Each structure stands twice: as structure tokens, then as C-alpha cells.
Amino acid sequence: MAPDPSDTAPISPSKEHVECKELDVDVEFGGIEARNKLERKLLLKLDLHMSMLVLIYILNFIDRNNARYALVMNRRCIIHNGLSAARTRGLTADLHLEGPQFATLLSIFYVGYIMMQVPSNMFLNYIKKPSLYLPVCMVIWGVISALTGITTNFVGALLTRFFLGFMEAAFFPGAVFLISKWYKRTEIGLRLAILYCGNMISNAFGAVIASGILANMDGIRAQAAWRWLFYIEGSLTVTVAIMTVFVLPDFPTTTKWLTDDERRLALKRMEEDAGVGDQLETENDGFGYGFYLAIADWKVWWIAILSIAQTL
């Protein structure tokens, strides 16, 4: 006897059953209200810790692009970066620069910067310790910035500029990557906008710092003012880097100052926003798999084109 089709047909879930299933998602956090309260607390804690990225970005640009405008020798001088500020106070003469050598010092920074950006993020994804990796890179670029002040010729300055770009390249892509590991797509835009404010702030205050050093420290301890510019900036960067180790978070699975509920909620948020597969693929599927996903995504190339157009 053939079975009645009505006996084997799937039973459609009732409206009440679906609503209960949706509510069950937040049961582990004590319900919707409890989850929302915990989520607000988590986001506040994250925002406070992530605010350190803005300060790092300011120093990143001050070391690389100390001031766009500075008042030196009672005249207004348009300058490109810390080296340009120093140029008006004897750098060209002290390093015996000729012809296009000064322009080469400005350009060589970006050679190291471009070379290191992608490998840096691949390595960061591998070690999963941004609270250690970013400050270590920061200490190194701070030391290199300070060492620029002891150079005596073109070759020495060229090497410090190249490796400065090499190490500074770790910060901005690393910061964006770190933010993407904690915030939903609807939350990332605001955080990146706040982070980018560091660029504007560095342009505003970098000129003040540079003009103060260049105008008042020439000849102190028999050192030219342009050398003090790099000594002070590099030392400030190293000091902030040491503080950063204790402030920046790692990834949700490795950050120690989260409670168990906050950790589970942080992971749950990413699962809901990007899917479990997307979150785990980049972390567990090999050293270069995240790189493959990036170059295979047309949106990445489109953003790259827009960034180039903005710079031009």
C-alpha cells in the first residue's frame, strides 16, 4: 500500500515556532535585552582601547610627514615631511647633499612602504598578536627615526629613510585589519573615519612641533636643530609604543582582558555579520589564503584605484 503523500510532507514551522527559534539565539546571553546591554558595554570597551590607534597614526604621520607648513627663520616655508623641515636648518649642508639627492631621500621612503604593506598583514594574520606586533614595529620605526639624526652622509640618510618606510608600512593596514576583526560592517565606517582623523591632526600639530624644535634647539649640546627634530620625534614614538602593548586588543579569540561572555559575544557578532566561514578561513586555511581571497576580490582592486586617484 502506497503511503499517503500527506503523511510524508514536511511540516511548515508555525510563526510561534520561528519566533521562539529567533529568541533562542540570544538565550546564552540572557535574552535580547541582556545581549544588547552586554554589546553596548563591549563596544565601549573596544572603542576606548582602539582609540590608541588614533594616537599611533598621529605619530606615524609626524615621523613620516612631520609638517606640511612650518615657520622657520621668520618665513613661511612649504615642506613635505620631517626631512624637509630639517632641510632649512642645515640638513642639506651637513649631509653634503647635491642635485637630486634630497628628492631621492623623500622618495625612497615609499619604496620600503609599498614593499612591506601586504606581507606585514599576512604575518599579522599568522601570529594573531597585534598588541605585540604593532608596538614592536612602532619601536623599531621610532628608533630608526631617531637614528636619522646621527647620519652624516647621503647613504646613511638613504638607508634610514628606506627602513623607516619599511617599518611604518605595518601600521595602517594592520590597524584596518584589526578593526575589521571586531566591528560589524555597519560599524567599521565610523571607526575608520575617526582613525583617519589622526592624519589631519598630525598635519595640524606636526607643524607646531617642528617649528618649535627648529627655532629653539639649534646648537644645544652642539647638535643642529634638524637632528633634535628626529631625536625627539623618535623618542616620543618609542615611549607611546611601550604603552600600546598594554592597551591594544588582539583578536577576539586571543584577547585576555575580555570576560567569557564578552568573548563569546564578540565571536557571535562576527559570525552573524560575515559568516563563520569568512571569519575562520582567513585564520585557519594557510598563511597565504587570505592574500588569495583579497586579490581575487574585484572590490579590493576598485578601492585601490580610488585610493590612487585620491592621492593624485
C-alpha atoms as a PDB file:
ATOM      1  CA  MET A   1       0.000   0.000   0.000  1.00  0.00           C
ATOM      2  CA  ALA A   2       1.500   3.338  -1.115  1.00  0.00           C
ATOM      3  CA  PRO A   3       1.954   5.911   1.628  1.00  0.00           C
ATOM      4  CA  ASP A   4      -0.333   8.891   1.654  1.00  0.00           C
ATOM      5  CA  PRO A   5       1.621  11.966   0.410  1.00  0.00           C
ATOM      6  CA  SER A   6       0.162  13.959   3.251  1.00  0.00           C
ATOM      7  CA  ASP A   7       1.913  11.632   5.710  1.00  0.00           C
ATOM      8  CA  THR A   8       5.383  12.394   4.331  1.00  0.00           C
ATOM      9  CA  ALA A   9       5.034  16.106   3.532  1.00  0.00           C
ATOM     10  CA  PRO A  10       7.274  18.371   5.667  1.00  0.00           C
ATOM     11  CA  ILE A  11       5.529  20.325   8.343  1.00  0.00           C
ATOM     12  CA  SER A  12       5.925  24.081   7.950  1.00  0.00           C
ATOM     13  CA  PRO A  13       7.045  25.732  11.155  1.00  0.00           C
ATOM     14  CA  SER A  14       4.453  27.904  12.778  1.00  0.00           C
ATOM     15  CA  LYS A  15       5.006  31.618  13.337  1.00  0.00           C
ATOM     16  CA  GLU A  16       5.342  30.997  17.051  1.00  0.00           C
ATOM     17  CA  HIS A  17       7.996  28.318  16.427  1.00  0.00           C
ATOM     18  CA  VAL A  18      10.060  30.656  14.213  1.00  0.00           C
ATOM     19  CA  GLU A  19       9.881  33.485  16.754  1.00  0.00           C
ATOM     20  CA  CYS A  20      10.989  31.173  19.551  1.00  0.00           C
ATOM     21  CA  LYS A  21      13.915  29.996  17.430  1.00  0.00           C
ATOM     22  CA  GLU A  22      15.000  33.600  16.818  1.00  0.00           C
ATOM     23  CA  LEU A  23      14.776  34.346  20.522  1.00  0.00           C
ATOM     24  CA  ASP A  24      16.842  31.251  21.326  1.00  0.00           C
ATOM     25  CA  VAL A  25      19.843  32.790  19.554  1.00  0.00           C
ATOM     26  CA  ASP A  26      20.369  35.175  22.473  1.00  0.00           C
ATOM     27  CA  VAL A  27      19.491  32.777  25.271  1.00  0.00           C
ATOM     28  CA  GLU A  28      23.153  32.166  26.066  1.00  0.00           C
ATOM     29  CA  PHE A  29      23.472  35.879  26.860  1.00  0.00           C
ATOM     30  CA  GLY A  30      20.297  36.024  28.946  1.00  0.00           C
ATOM     31  CA  GLY A  31      17.925  37.209  26.228  1.00  0.00           C
ATOM     32  CA  ILE A  32      17.762  40.130  23.833  1.00  0.00           C
ATOM     33  CA  GLU A  33      17.840  42.889  26.449  1.00  0.00           C
ATOM     34  CA  ALA A  34      20.783  41.340  28.268  1.00  0.00           C
ATOM     35  CA  ARG A  35      22.656  40.863  24.994  1.00  0.00           C
ATOM     36  CA  ASN A  36      22.077  44.473  23.935  1.00  0.00           C
ATOM     37  CA  LYS A  37      23.365  45.704  27.280  1.00  0.00           C
ATOM     38  CA  LEU A  38      26.424  43.445  27.053  1.00  0.00           C
ATOM     39  CA  GLU A  39      27.025  44.547  23.444  1.00  0.00           C
ATOM     40  CA  ARG A  40      26.992  48.230  24.405  1.00  0.00           C
ATOM     41  CA  LYS A  41      29.472  47.507  27.183  1.00  0.00           C
ATOM     42  CA  LEU A  42      31.690  45.532  24.792  1.00  0.00           C
ATOM     43  CA  LEU A  43      31.676  48.272  22.151  1.00  0.00           C
ATOM     44  CA  LEU A  44      32.511  50.949  24.729  1.00  0.00           C
ATOM     45  CA  LYS A  45      35.433  48.900  25.996  1.00  0.00           C
ATOM     46  CA  LEU A  46      36.656  48.268  22.445  1.00  0.00           C
ATOM     47  CA  ASP A  47      36.355  51.919  21.453  1.00  0.00           C
ATOM     48  CA  LEU A  48      38.399  53.016  24.460  1.00  0.00           C
ATOM     49  CA  HIS A  49      41.165  50.539  23.672  1.00  0.00           C
ATOM     50  CA  MET A  50      41.068  51.183  19.910  1.00  0.00           C
ATOM     51  CA  SER A  51      41.402  54.941  20.476  1.00  0.00           C
ATOM     52  CA  MET A  52      45.121  54.296  20.920  1.00  0.00           C
ATOM     53  CA  LEU A  53      45.260  53.687  17.158  1.00  0.00           C
ATOM     54  CA  VAL A  54      44.497  57.374  16.543  1.00  0.00           C
ATOM     55  CA  LEU A  55      47.492  58.444  18.633  1.00  0.00           C
ATOM     56  CA  ILE A  56      49.720  55.947  16.833  1.00  0.00           C
ATOM     57  CA  TYR A  57      48.501  57.235  13.477  1.00  0.00           C
ATOM     58  CA  ILE A  58      49.379  60.787  14.513  1.00  0.00           C
ATOM     59  CA  LEU A  59      52.915  59.728  15.383  1.00  0.00           C
ATOM     60  CA  ASN A  60      53.114  57.614  12.238  1.00  0.00           C
ATOM     61  CA  PHE A  61      52.475  60.690  10.115  1.00  0.00           C
ATOM     62  CA  ILE A  62      54.601  63.022  12.234  1.00  0.00           C
ATOM     63  CA  ASP A  63      57.609  60.696  11.851  1.00  0.00           C
ATOM     64  CA  ARG A  64      56.980  60.376   8.131  1.00  0.00           C
ATOM     65  CA  ASN A  65      55.419  63.719   7.315  1.00  0.00           C
ATOM     66  CA  ASN A  66      56.416  65.933  10.209  1.00  0.00           C
ATOM     67  CA  ALA A  67      54.813  69.155   8.983  1.00  0.00           C
ATOM     68  CA  ARG A  68      53.312  70.487   5.801  1.00  0.00           C
ATOM     69  CA  TYR A  69      53.883  74.064   6.771  1.00  0.00           C
ATOM     70  CA  ALA A  70      56.418  75.426   9.222  1.00  0.00           C
ATOM     71  CA  LEU A  71      57.628  78.848  10.208  1.00  0.00           C
ATOM     72  CA  VAL A  72      61.403  78.749  10.060  1.00  0.00           C
ATOM     73  CA  MET A  73      63.868  81.647  10.052  1.00  0.00           C
ATOM     74  CA  ASN A  74      60.920  84.095  10.242  1.00  0.00           C
ATOM     75  CA  ARG A  75      59.498  82.968   6.916  1.00  0.00           C
ATOM     76  CA  ARG A  76      56.758  80.556   5.881  1.00  0.00           C
ATOM     77  CA  CYS A  77      58.186  77.529   4.085  1.00  0.00           C
ATOM     78  CA  ILE A  78      56.167  74.768   2.390  1.00  0.00           C
ATOM     79  CA  ILE A  79      57.654  71.434   3.382  1.00  0.00           C
ATOM     80  CA  HIS A  80      56.865  67.841   2.548  1.00  0.00           C
ATOM     81  CA  ASN A  81      57.944  65.982   5.662  1.00  0.00           C
ATOM     82  CA  GLY A  82      60.323  65.925   8.624  1.00  0.00           C
ATOM     83  CA  LEU A  83      63.313  65.905   6.301  1.00  0.00           C
ATOM     84  CA  SER A  84      62.025  68.990   4.508  1.00  0.00           C
ATOM     85  CA  ALA A  85      61.586  70.798   7.817  1.00  0.00           C
ATOM     86  CA  ALA A  86      65.131  69.899   8.717  1.00  0.00           C
ATOM     87  CA  ARG A  87      66.432  70.961   5.332  1.00  0.00           C
ATOM     88  CA  THR A  88      66.011  74.634   6.132  1.00  0.00           C
ATOM     89  CA  ARG A  89      68.133  74.213   9.259  1.00  0.00           C
ATOM     90  CA  GLY A  90      71.284  72.713   7.729  1.00  0.00           C
ATOM     91  CA  LEU A  91      70.454  69.120   6.771  1.00  0.00           C
ATOM     92  CA  THR A  92      71.460  69.617   3.134  1.00  0.00           C
ATOM     93  CA  ALA A  93      74.812  71.079   4.089  1.00  0.00           C
ATOM     94  CA  ASP A  94      75.500  68.647   6.967  1.00  0.00           C
ATOM     95  CA  LEU A  95      74.828  65.586   4.796  1.00  0.00           C
ATOM     96  CA  HIS A  96      76.611  67.111   1.751  1.00  0.00           C
ATOM     97  CA  LEU A  97      73.578  66.596  -0.476  1.00  0.00           C
ATOM     98  CA  GLU A  98      73.829  67.549  -4.116  1.00  0.00           C
ATOM     99  CA  GLY A  99      71.469  67.687  -7.074  1.00  0.00           C
ATOM    100  CA  PRO A 100      68.505  65.282  -6.791  1.00  0.00           C
ATOM    101  CA  GLN A 101      69.770  63.549  -3.651  1.00  0.00           C
ATOM    102  CA  PHE A 102      67.357  65.332  -1.334  1.00  0.00           C
ATOM    103  CA  ALA A 103      64.392  64.374  -3.558  1.00  0.00           C
ATOM    104  CA  THR A 104      65.678  60.790  -3.529  1.00  0.00           C
ATOM    105  CA  LEU A 105      65.602  60.777   0.267  1.00  0.00           C
ATOM    106  CA  LEU A 106      61.942  61.792   0.142  1.00  0.00           C
ATOM    107  CA  SER A 107      61.015  59.162  -2.446  1.00  0.00           C
ATOM    108  CA  ILE A 108      62.910  56.167  -1.068  1.00  0.00           C
ATOM    109  CA  PHE A 109      60.599  56.084   1.958  1.00  0.00           C
ATOM    110  CA  TYR A 110      57.701  54.905  -0.225  1.00  0.00           C
ATOM    111  CA  VAL A 111      59.725  52.095  -1.789  1.00  0.00           C
ATOM    112  CA  GLY A 112      60.002  50.321   1.563  1.00  0.00           C
ATOM    113  CA  TYR A 113      56.451  51.328   2.469  1.00  0.00           C
ATOM    114  CA  ILE A 114      54.913  49.730  -0.622  1.00  0.00           C
ATOM    115  CA  MET A 115      57.036  46.587  -0.357  1.00  0.00           C
ATOM    116  CA  MET A 116      56.015  45.805   3.216  1.00  0.00           C
ATOM    117  CA  GLN A 117      52.279  46.524   3.457  1.00  0.00           C
ATOM    118  CA  VAL A 118      50.856  43.231   2.162  1.00  0.00           C
ATOM    119  CA  PRO A 119      53.449  40.881   3.720  1.00  0.00           C
ATOM    120  CA  SER A 120      53.001  42.681   7.039  1.00  0.00           C
ATOM    121  CA  ASN A 121      49.274  41.950   7.202  1.00  0.00           C
ATOM    122  CA  MET A 122      49.834  38.335   6.160  1.00  0.00           C
ATOM    123  CA  PHE A 123      52.287  37.931   9.023  1.00  0.00           C
ATOM    124  CA  LEU A 124      49.932  39.679  11.450  1.00  0.00           C
ATOM    125  CA  ASN A 125      47.141  37.292  10.480  1.00  0.00           C
ATOM    126  CA  TYR A 126      49.531  34.399  11.107  1.00  0.00           C
ATOM    127  CA  ILE A 127      50.733  35.389  14.593  1.00  0.00           C
ATOM    128  CA  LYS A 128      47.355  36.834  15.743  1.00  0.00           C
ATOM    129  CA  LYS A 129      49.037  39.233  18.202  1.00  0.00           C
ATOM    130  CA  PRO A 130      48.522  42.832  17.015  1.00  0.00           C
ATOM    131  CA  SER A 131      49.004  44.118  20.576  1.00  0.00           C
ATOM    132  CA  LEU A 132      52.595  42.903  20.313  1.00  0.00           C
ATOM    133  CA  TYR A 133      53.322  43.140  16.596  1.00  0.00           C
ATOM    134  CA  LEU A 134      52.232  46.749  16.018  1.00  0.00           C
ATOM    135  CA  PRO A 135      54.083  48.171  19.066  1.00  0.00           C
ATOM    136  CA  VAL A 136      57.261  46.274  18.122  1.00  0.00           C
ATOM    137  CA  CYS A 137      57.118  47.764  14.613  1.00  0.00           C
ATOM    138  CA  MET A 138      56.462  51.134  16.230  1.00  0.00           C
ATOM    139  CA  VAL A 139      59.524  50.864  18.480  1.00  0.00           C
ATOM    140  CA  ILE A 140      61.697  49.959  15.504  1.00  0.00           C
ATOM    141  CA  TRP A 141      60.487  52.838  13.341  1.00  0.00           C
ATOM    142  CA  GLY A 142      60.897  55.211  16.302  1.00  0.00           C
ATOM    143  CA  VAL A 143      64.497  54.105  16.737  1.00  0.00           C
ATOM    144  CA  ILE A 144      65.138  54.427  13.002  1.00  0.00           C
ATOM    145  CA  SER A 145      63.612  57.923  13.021  1.00  0.00           C
ATOM    146  CA  ALA A 146      65.924  58.916  15.870  1.00  0.00           C
ATOM    147  CA  LEU A 147      68.917  57.397  14.056  1.00  0.00           C
ATOM    148  CA  THR A 148      68.240  59.730  11.137  1.00  0.00           C
ATOM    149  CA  GLY A 149      69.586  62.438  13.427  1.00  0.00           C
ATOM    150  CA  ILE A 150      73.047  60.869  13.629  1.00  0.00           C
ATOM    151  CA  THR A 151      73.569  60.329   9.908  1.00  0.00           C
ATOM    152  CA  THR A 152      76.462  62.207   8.331  1.00  0.00           C
ATOM    153  CA  ASN A 153      76.094  61.480   4.621  1.00  0.00           C
ATOM    154  CA  PHE A 154      73.635  60.685   1.859  1.00  0.00           C
ATOM    155  CA  VAL A 155      73.985  56.902   2.088  1.00  0.00           C
ATOM    156  CA  GLY A 156      73.251  56.822   5.822  1.00  0.00           C
ATOM    157  CA  ALA A 157      70.177  59.013   5.416  1.00  0.00           C
ATOM    158  CA  LEU A 158      69.031  56.930   2.441  1.00  0.00           C
ATOM    159  CA  LEU A 159      69.169  53.704   4.471  1.00  0.00           C
ATOM    160  CA  THR A 160      67.290  55.161   7.440  1.00  0.00           C
ATOM    161  CA  ARG A 161      64.571  56.544   5.177  1.00  0.00           C
ATOM    162  CA  PHE A 162      64.135  53.237   3.353  1.00  0.00           C
ATOM    163  CA  PHE A 163      63.836  51.177   6.529  1.00  0.00           C
ATOM    164  CA  LEU A 164      61.605  53.805   8.134  1.00  0.00           C
ATOM    165  CA  GLY A 165      59.107  53.260   5.321  1.00  0.00           C
ATOM    166  CA  PHE A 166      59.598  49.508   5.606  1.00  0.00           C
ATOM    167  CA  MET A 167      58.544  49.507   9.273  1.00  0.00           C
ATOM    168  CA  GLU A 168      55.875  52.216   9.163  1.00  0.00           C
ATOM    169  CA  ALA A 169      54.055  50.193   6.492  1.00  0.00           C
ATOM    170  CA  ALA A 170      52.883  47.772   9.170  1.00  0.00           C
ATOM    171  CA  PHE A 171      50.645  50.250  10.944  1.00  0.00           C
ATOM    172  CA  PHE A 172      47.783  51.479   8.745  1.00  0.00           C
ATOM    173  CA  PRO A 173      46.860  48.177   7.018  1.00  0.00           C
ATOM    174  CA  GLY A 174      47.345  46.430  10.350  1.00  0.00           C
ATOM    175  CA  ALA A 175      45.045  48.887  12.117  1.00  0.00           C
ATOM    176  CA  VAL A 176      42.317  48.471   9.497  1.00  0.00           C
ATOM    177  CA  PHE A 177      42.686  44.684   9.714  1.00  0.00           C
ATOM    178  CA  LEU A 178      42.409  44.782  13.497  1.00  0.00           C
ATOM    179  CA  ILE A 179      39.270  46.933  13.364  1.00  0.00           C
ATOM    180  CA  SER A 180      37.680  44.538  10.869  1.00  0.00           C
ATOM    181  CA  LYS A 181      38.162  41.671  13.334  1.00  0.00           C
ATOM    182  CA  TRP A 182      35.994  43.338  15.985  1.00  0.00           C
ATOM    183  CA  TYR A 183      33.362  45.535  14.327  1.00  0.00           C
ATOM    184  CA  LYS A 184      30.444  44.776  12.041  1.00  0.00           C
ATOM    185  CA  ARG A 185      30.304  46.213   8.556  1.00  0.00           C
ATOM    186  CA  THR A 186      27.784  48.822   9.729  1.00  0.00           C
ATOM    187  CA  GLU A 187      30.212  49.929  12.476  1.00  0.00           C
ATOM    188  CA  ILE A 188      33.524  49.949  10.612  1.00  0.00           C
ATOM    189  CA  GLY A 189      32.940  53.140   8.593  1.00  0.00           C
ATOM    190  CA  LEU A 190      32.678  55.385  11.650  1.00  0.00           C
ATOM    191  CA  ARG A 191      35.748  53.837  13.288  1.00  0.00           C
ATOM    192  CA  LEU A 192      37.861  54.221  10.150  1.00  0.00           C
ATOM    193  CA  ALA A 193      36.755  57.844   9.806  1.00  0.00           C
ATOM    194  CA  ILE A 194      37.870  58.505  13.390  1.00  0.00           C
ATOM    195  CA  LEU A 195      41.155  56.717  12.726  1.00  0.00           C
ATOM    196  CA  TYR A 196      41.768  58.817   9.633  1.00  0.00           C
ATOM    197  CA  CYS A 197      41.374  61.952  11.748  1.00  0.00           C
ATOM    198  CA  GLY A 198      44.859  61.123  13.009  1.00  0.00           C
ATOM    199  CA  ASN A 199      46.153  62.175   9.592  1.00  0.00           C
ATOM    200  CA  MET A 200      44.514  65.589   9.858  1.00  0.00           C
ATOM    201  CA  ILE A 201      45.608  66.079  13.473  1.00  0.00           C
ATOM    202  CA  SER A 202      49.216  65.242  12.617  1.00  0.00           C
ATOM    203  CA  ASN A 203      49.194  67.866   9.869  1.00  0.00           C
ATOM    204  CA  ALA A 204      47.817  70.421  12.319  1.00  0.00           C
ATOM    205  CA  PHE A 205      50.193  69.797  15.219  1.00  0.00           C
ATOM    206  CA  GLY A 206      53.221  68.491  13.321  1.00  0.00           C
ATOM    207  CA  ALA A 207      53.999  71.980  12.054  1.00  0.00           C
ATOM    208  CA  VAL A 208      53.825  73.420  15.562  1.00  0.00           C
ATOM    209  CA  ILE A 209      56.169  70.754  16.956  1.00  0.00           C
ATOM    210  CA  ALA A 210      58.646  71.098  14.084  1.00  0.00           C
ATOM    211  CA  SER A 211      58.759  74.889  14.164  1.00  0.00           C
ATOM    212  CA  GLY A 212      59.257  74.898  17.936  1.00  0.00           C
ATOM    213  CA  ILE A 213      62.170  72.460  17.768  1.00  0.00           C
ATOM    214  CA  LEU A 214      63.825  74.043  14.753  1.00  0.00           C
ATOM    215  CA  ALA A 215      63.523  77.561  16.142  1.00  0.00           C
ATOM    216  CA  ASN A 216      64.733  76.905  19.689  1.00  0.00           C
ATOM    217  CA  MET A 217      67.086  73.928  19.790  1.00  0.00           C
ATOM    218  CA  ASP A 218      69.784  74.766  17.266  1.00  0.00           C
ATOM    219  CA  GLY A 219      73.220  74.367  18.868  1.00  0.00           C
ATOM    220  CA  ILE A 220      72.031  72.684  22.087  1.00  0.00           C
ATOM    221  CA  ARG A 221      74.687  70.130  23.100  1.00  0.00           C
ATOM    222  CA  ALA A 222      76.484  71.033  19.871  1.00  0.00           C
ATOM    223  CA  GLN A 223      73.708  69.452  17.811  1.00  0.00           C
ATOM    224  CA  ALA A 224      71.940  71.060  14.861  1.00  0.00           C
ATOM    225  CA  ALA A 225      68.221  71.724  15.281  1.00  0.00           C
ATOM    226  CA  TRP A 226      67.288  69.302  12.492  1.00  0.00           C
ATOM    227  CA  ARG A 227      68.969  66.473  14.415  1.00  0.00           C
ATOM    228  CA  TRP A 228      66.944  67.292  17.543  1.00  0.00           C
ATOM    229  CA  LEU A 229      63.807  67.093  15.404  1.00  0.00           C
ATOM    230  CA  PHE A 230      64.442  63.399  14.746  1.00  0.00           C
ATOM    231  CA  TYR A 231      65.738  62.631  18.252  1.00  0.00           C
ATOM    232  CA  ILE A 232      62.595  63.988  19.921  1.00  0.00           C
ATOM    233  CA  GLU A 233      60.098  62.538  17.471  1.00  0.00           C
ATOM    234  CA  GLY A 234      61.712  59.105  17.592  1.00  0.00           C
ATOM    235  CA  SER A 235      61.852  59.075  21.392  1.00  0.00           C
ATOM    236  CA  LEU A 236      58.188  60.060  21.654  1.00  0.00           C
ATOM    237  CA  THR A 237      57.201  57.250  19.299  1.00  0.00           C
ATOM    238  CA  VAL A 238      59.106  54.638  21.314  1.00  0.00           C
ATOM    239  CA  THR A 239      57.532  55.835  24.568  1.00  0.00           C
ATOM    240  CA  VAL A 240      53.985  55.569  23.190  1.00  0.00           C
ATOM    241  CA  ALA A 241      54.779  52.165  21.669  1.00  0.00           C
ATOM    242  CA  ILE A 242      55.608  50.740  25.103  1.00  0.00           C
ATOM    243  CA  MET A 243      52.260  51.982  26.429  1.00  0.00           C
ATOM    244  CA  THR A 244      50.456  50.492  23.429  1.00  0.00           C
ATOM    245  CA  VAL A 245      51.394  46.927  24.380  1.00  0.00           C
ATOM    246  CA  PHE A 246      49.081  47.148  27.390  1.00  0.00           C
ATOM    247  CA  VAL A 247      46.190  48.870  25.603  1.00  0.00           C
ATOM    248  CA  LEU A 248      45.617  47.388  22.148  1.00  0.00           C
ATOM    249  CA  PRO A 249      43.446  44.272  21.844  1.00  0.00           C
ATOM    250  CA  ASP A 250      44.410  41.158  19.936  1.00  0.00           C
ATOM    251  CA  PHE A 251      41.788  39.159  18.038  1.00  0.00           C
ATOM    252  CA  PRO A 252      38.589  38.051  19.815  1.00  0.00           C
ATOM    253  CA  THR A 253      39.966  34.551  20.409  1.00  0.00           C
ATOM    254  CA  THR A 254      43.268  35.758  21.899  1.00  0.00           C
ATOM    255  CA  THR A 255      42.464  38.955  23.843  1.00  0.00           C
ATOM    256  CA  LYS A 256      42.967  38.316  27.558  1.00  0.00           C
ATOM    257  CA  TRP A 257      41.054  41.234  29.107  1.00  0.00           C
ATOM    258  CA  LEU A 258      37.643  40.095  27.830  1.00  0.00           C
ATOM    259  CA  THR A 259      35.206  38.246  30.057  1.00  0.00           C
ATOM    260  CA  ASP A 260      33.923  34.897  28.808  1.00  0.00           C
ATOM    261  CA  ASP A 261      30.561  36.422  27.882  1.00  0.00           C
ATOM    262  CA  GLU A 262      32.222  39.312  26.032  1.00  0.00           C
ATOM    263  CA  ARG A 263      34.452  36.913  24.089  1.00  0.00           C
ATOM    264  CA  ARG A 264      31.522  34.730  23.055  1.00  0.00           C
ATOM    265  CA  LEU A 265      29.527  37.792  22.050  1.00  0.00           C
ATOM    266  CA  ALA A 266      32.431  39.224  20.040  1.00  0.00           C
ATOM    267  CA  LEU A 267      32.739  35.966  18.110  1.00  0.00           C
ATOM    268  CA  LYS A 268      28.977  35.718  17.708  1.00  0.00           C
ATOM    269  CA  ARG A 269      28.813  39.234  16.247  1.00  0.00           C
ATOM    270  CA  MET A 270      31.390  38.346  13.591  1.00  0.00           C
ATOM    271  CA  GLU A 271      29.621  35.098  12.769  1.00  0.00           C
ATOM    272  CA  GLU A 272      26.338  36.922  12.280  1.00  0.00           C
ATOM    273  CA  ASP A 273      27.910  39.694  10.220  1.00  0.00           C
ATOM    274  CA  ALA A 274      30.369  37.878   7.950  1.00  0.00           C
ATOM    275  CA  GLY A 275      29.545  34.214   8.415  1.00  0.00           C
ATOM    276  CA  VAL A 276      31.542  31.570  10.250  1.00  0.00           C
ATOM    277  CA  GLY A 277      33.366  30.554   7.100  1.00  0.00           C
ATOM    278  CA  ASP A 278      34.698  34.012   6.290  1.00  0.00           C
ATOM    279  CA  GLN A 279      35.945  34.526   9.848  1.00  0.00           C
ATOM    280  CA  LEU A 280      37.729  31.189  10.090  1.00  0.00           C
ATOM    281  CA  GLU A 281      39.009  30.842   6.521  1.00  0.00           C
ATOM    282  CA  THR A 282      41.478  33.704   6.778  1.00  0.00           C
ATOM    283  CA  GLU A 283      42.799  32.497  10.137  1.00  0.00           C
ATOM    284  CA  ASN A 284      42.995  28.728   9.684  1.00  0.00           C
ATOM    285  CA  ASP A 285      43.359  27.975   5.965  1.00  0.00           C
ATOM    286  CA  GLY A 286      47.033  28.652   5.470  1.00  0.00           C
ATOM    287  CA  PHE A 287      49.472  31.540   5.504  1.00  0.00           C
ATOM    288  CA  GLY A 288      48.601  32.863   2.043  1.00  0.00           C
ATOM    289  CA  TYR A 289      44.916  32.047   1.752  1.00  0.00           C
ATOM    290  CA  GLY A 290      43.766  35.455   2.956  1.00  0.00           C
ATOM    291  CA  PHE A 291      46.040  37.046   0.327  1.00  0.00           C
ATOM    292  CA  TYR A 292      44.400  34.900  -2.351  1.00  0.00           C
ATOM    293  CA  LEU A 293      40.934  35.951  -1.189  1.00  0.00           C
ATOM    294  CA  ALA A 294      41.983  39.609  -1.370  1.00  0.00           C
ATOM    295  CA  ILE A 295      43.472  39.584  -4.874  1.00  0.00           C
ATOM    296  CA  ALA A 296      40.514  37.546  -6.178  1.00  0.00           C
ATOM    297  CA  ASP A 297      38.006  40.161  -4.952  1.00  0.00           C
ATOM    298  CA  TRP A 298      37.302  42.888  -7.546  1.00  0.00           C
ATOM    299  CA  LYS A 299      36.219  45.288  -4.787  1.00  0.00           C
ATOM    300  CA  VAL A 300      39.765  45.334  -3.407  1.00  0.00           C
ATOM    301  CA  TRP A 301      41.123  46.459  -6.779  1.00  0.00           C
ATOM    302  CA  TRP A 302      38.405  49.095  -7.089  1.00  0.00           C
ATOM    303  CA  ILE A 303      39.296  50.538  -3.668  1.00  0.00           C
ATOM    304  CA  ALA A 304      42.984  50.547  -4.714  1.00  0.00           C
ATOM    305  CA  ILE A 305      42.138  52.553  -7.829  1.00  0.00           C
ATOM    306  CA  LEU A 306      40.106  55.032  -5.796  1.00  0.00           C
ATOM    307  CA  SER A 307      42.979  55.430  -3.323  1.00  0.00           C
ATOM    308  CA  ILE A 308      45.435  56.131  -6.138  1.00  0.00           C
ATOM    309  CA  ALA A 309      43.034  58.647  -7.679  1.00  0.00           C
ATOM    310  CA  GLN A 310      42.626  60.400  -4.322  1.00  0.00           C
ATOM    311  CA  THR A 311      46.392  60.712  -3.884  1.00  0.00           C
ATOM    312  CA  LEU A 312      46.899  62.011  -7.407  1.00  0.00           C
END
